[in-house]
Amino acid sequence: MKNMLRWIACVPAGAIGGFLVLIVFSFVGNRYAEPGSIGNYINFLLGGALSGAAAVYIAAYIAPSKKNWVSMAVVLLSIAGMIVALPTMIENEDWSYLLFSIAQDGGAIFMAYKIFQKEITF
């Protein structure tokens, strides 16, 4: 029963954990950046990369087994979400969110790669 609950909770917990990392980073890192400044765009890059990496790590950590496949599933879900939102981002010229989404996918891919390489152990 415990393993079944962990399987059900791993991906949603990863998504929530990534979101919470982004919220904390926004409060800490985005304090002094003016909208449209280079600092603001750097915060989008760092916040996206950290939240993507955290989402993959947390989901793989909670999964009872097959952590490689769970990390790959989270990466694929993240990329699929960006592909679905891409036309809206381009239509609205929301380049900062596009930058954030690319960085988030990059952070997720990086973390999944490290998990596959067994450089991150649980």
Protein backbone atom coordinates (compact mmCIF):
# COMPACT_ATOMS: atom_id res chain seq x y z
CA MET A 1 0.00 0.00 0.00
CA LYS A 2 2.83 2.37 0.90
CA ASN A 3 4.58 1.83 -2.43
CA MET A 4 1.36 2.41 -4.34
CA LEU A 5 0.89 5.76 -2.60
CA ARG A 6 4.46 6.71 -3.40
CA TRP A 7 3.89 5.87 -7.08
CA ILE A 8 0.73 7.97 -7.15
CA ALA A 9 2.40 10.90 -5.36
CA CYS A 10 5.83 11.06 -7.02
CA VAL A 11 5.06 13.19 -10.10
CA PRO A 12 2.58 15.60 -8.43
CA ALA A 13 4.99 16.03 -5.50
CA GLY A 14 7.80 16.78 -7.93
CA ALA A 15 5.69 19.43 -9.67
CA ILE A 16 4.70 21.02 -6.35
CA GLY A 17 8.28 20.91 -5.11
CA GLY A 18 9.55 22.57 -8.29
CA PHE A 19 6.91 25.26 -7.92
CA LEU A 20 7.88 25.89 -4.30
CA VAL A 21 11.55 26.19 -5.25
CA LEU A 22 10.53 28.78 -7.85
CA ILE A 23 8.47 30.72 -5.30
CA VAL A 24 11.32 30.79 -2.78
CA PHE A 25 13.81 31.77 -5.48
CA SER A 26 11.50 34.55 -6.68
CA PHE A 27 11.35 36.04 -3.20
CA VAL A 28 15.09 35.78 -2.67
CA GLY A 29 16.55 36.35 -6.12
CA ASN A 30 14.10 38.70 -7.78
CA ARG A 31 14.21 41.37 -5.11
CA TYR A 32 16.35 43.96 -6.80
CA ALA A 33 15.85 43.21 -10.49
CA GLU A 34 13.89 45.77 -12.45
CA PRO A 35 11.35 44.40 -14.94
CA GLY A 36 12.95 44.08 -18.36
CA SER A 37 16.50 44.37 -17.01
CA ILE A 38 19.26 41.83 -17.59
CA GLY A 39 18.99 40.86 -13.92
CA ASN A 40 15.34 40.01 -14.41
CA TYR A 41 16.17 37.72 -17.34
CA ILE A 42 18.97 36.07 -15.35
CA ASN A 43 16.43 35.41 -12.59
CA PHE A 44 14.10 33.80 -15.14
CA LEU A 45 16.97 31.56 -16.27
CA LEU A 46 18.09 30.58 -12.78
CA GLY A 47 14.58 30.17 -11.39
CA GLY A 48 13.55 27.99 -14.31
CA ALA A 49 16.64 25.80 -14.16
CA LEU A 50 16.41 25.33 -10.39
CA SER A 51 12.68 24.56 -10.42
CA GLY A 52 13.06 22.05 -13.26
CA ALA A 53 15.95 20.30 -11.54
CA ALA A 54 14.08 20.24 -8.23
CA ALA A 55 10.94 18.79 -9.82
CA VAL A 56 12.89 15.89 -11.34
CA TYR A 57 14.90 15.25 -8.18
CA ILE A 58 11.87 15.26 -5.87
CA ALA A 59 9.82 13.00 -8.17
CA ALA A 60 12.69 10.51 -8.49
CA TYR A 61 13.36 10.66 -4.75
CA ILE A 62 9.77 9.81 -3.85
CA ALA A 63 9.40 7.02 -6.43
CA PRO A 64 9.95 3.64 -4.75
CA SER A 65 11.90 2.22 -7.72
CA LYS A 66 12.70 2.88 -11.40
CA LYS A 67 13.97 6.35 -10.59
CA ASN A 68 15.55 6.70 -14.04
CA TRP A 69 12.21 6.24 -15.75
CA VAL A 70 10.42 8.58 -13.37
CA SER A 71 12.98 11.31 -14.04
CA MET A 72 12.57 10.81 -17.79
CA ALA A 73 8.77 10.95 -17.48
CA VAL A 74 8.97 14.29 -15.65
CA VAL A 75 11.30 15.66 -18.33
CA LEU A 76 8.92 14.54 -21.09
CA LEU A 77 5.95 16.10 -19.29
CA SER A 78 7.86 19.36 -18.91
CA ILE A 79 8.81 19.43 -22.59
CA ALA A 80 5.24 18.57 -23.60
CA GLY A 81 3.93 21.43 -21.48
CA MET A 82 6.28 23.85 -23.16
CA ILE A 83 5.30 22.62 -26.62
CA VAL A 84 1.61 23.08 -25.79
CA ALA A 85 2.19 26.60 -24.43
CA LEU A 86 4.66 27.65 -27.14
CA PRO A 87 2.11 29.09 -29.63
CA THR A 88 0.56 31.23 -26.89
CA MET A 89 3.96 32.47 -25.72
CA ILE A 90 4.91 33.44 -29.27
CA GLU A 91 1.53 35.00 -30.03
CA ASN A 92 1.64 37.13 -26.88
CA GLU A 93 5.36 37.85 -27.31
CA ASP A 94 6.01 36.63 -23.78
CA TRP A 95 9.73 36.11 -24.26
CA SER A 96 10.54 36.03 -20.56
CA TYR A 97 8.20 33.07 -20.00
CA LEU A 98 9.66 31.33 -23.04
CA LEU A 99 13.13 31.85 -21.57
CA PHE A 100 11.90 30.48 -18.24
CA SER A 101 10.35 27.41 -19.92
CA ILE A 102 13.52 26.63 -21.86
CA ALA A 103 15.61 26.99 -18.70
CA GLN A 104 13.17 24.81 -16.77
CA ASP A 105 13.43 22.06 -19.37
CA GLY A 106 17.20 22.44 -19.36
CA GLY A 107 17.35 22.05 -15.57
CA ALA A 108 15.07 19.02 -15.73
CA ILE A 109 17.16 17.40 -18.48
CA PHE A 110 20.37 18.09 -16.54
CA MET A 111 19.00 16.49 -13.37
CA ALA A 112 17.63 13.47 -15.27
CA TYR A 113 21.03 13.04 -16.95
CA LYS A 114 22.77 13.08 -13.58
CA ILE A 115 20.31 10.51 -12.24
CA PHE A 116 20.86 8.27 -15.28
CA GLN A 117 24.63 8.57 -14.85
CA LYS A 118 24.23 7.49 -11.20
CA GLU A 119 25.98 10.70 -10.09
CA ILE A 120 23.01 11.42 -7.83
CA THR A 121 22.11 8.71 -5.37
CA PHE A 122 19.10 8.49 -3.13
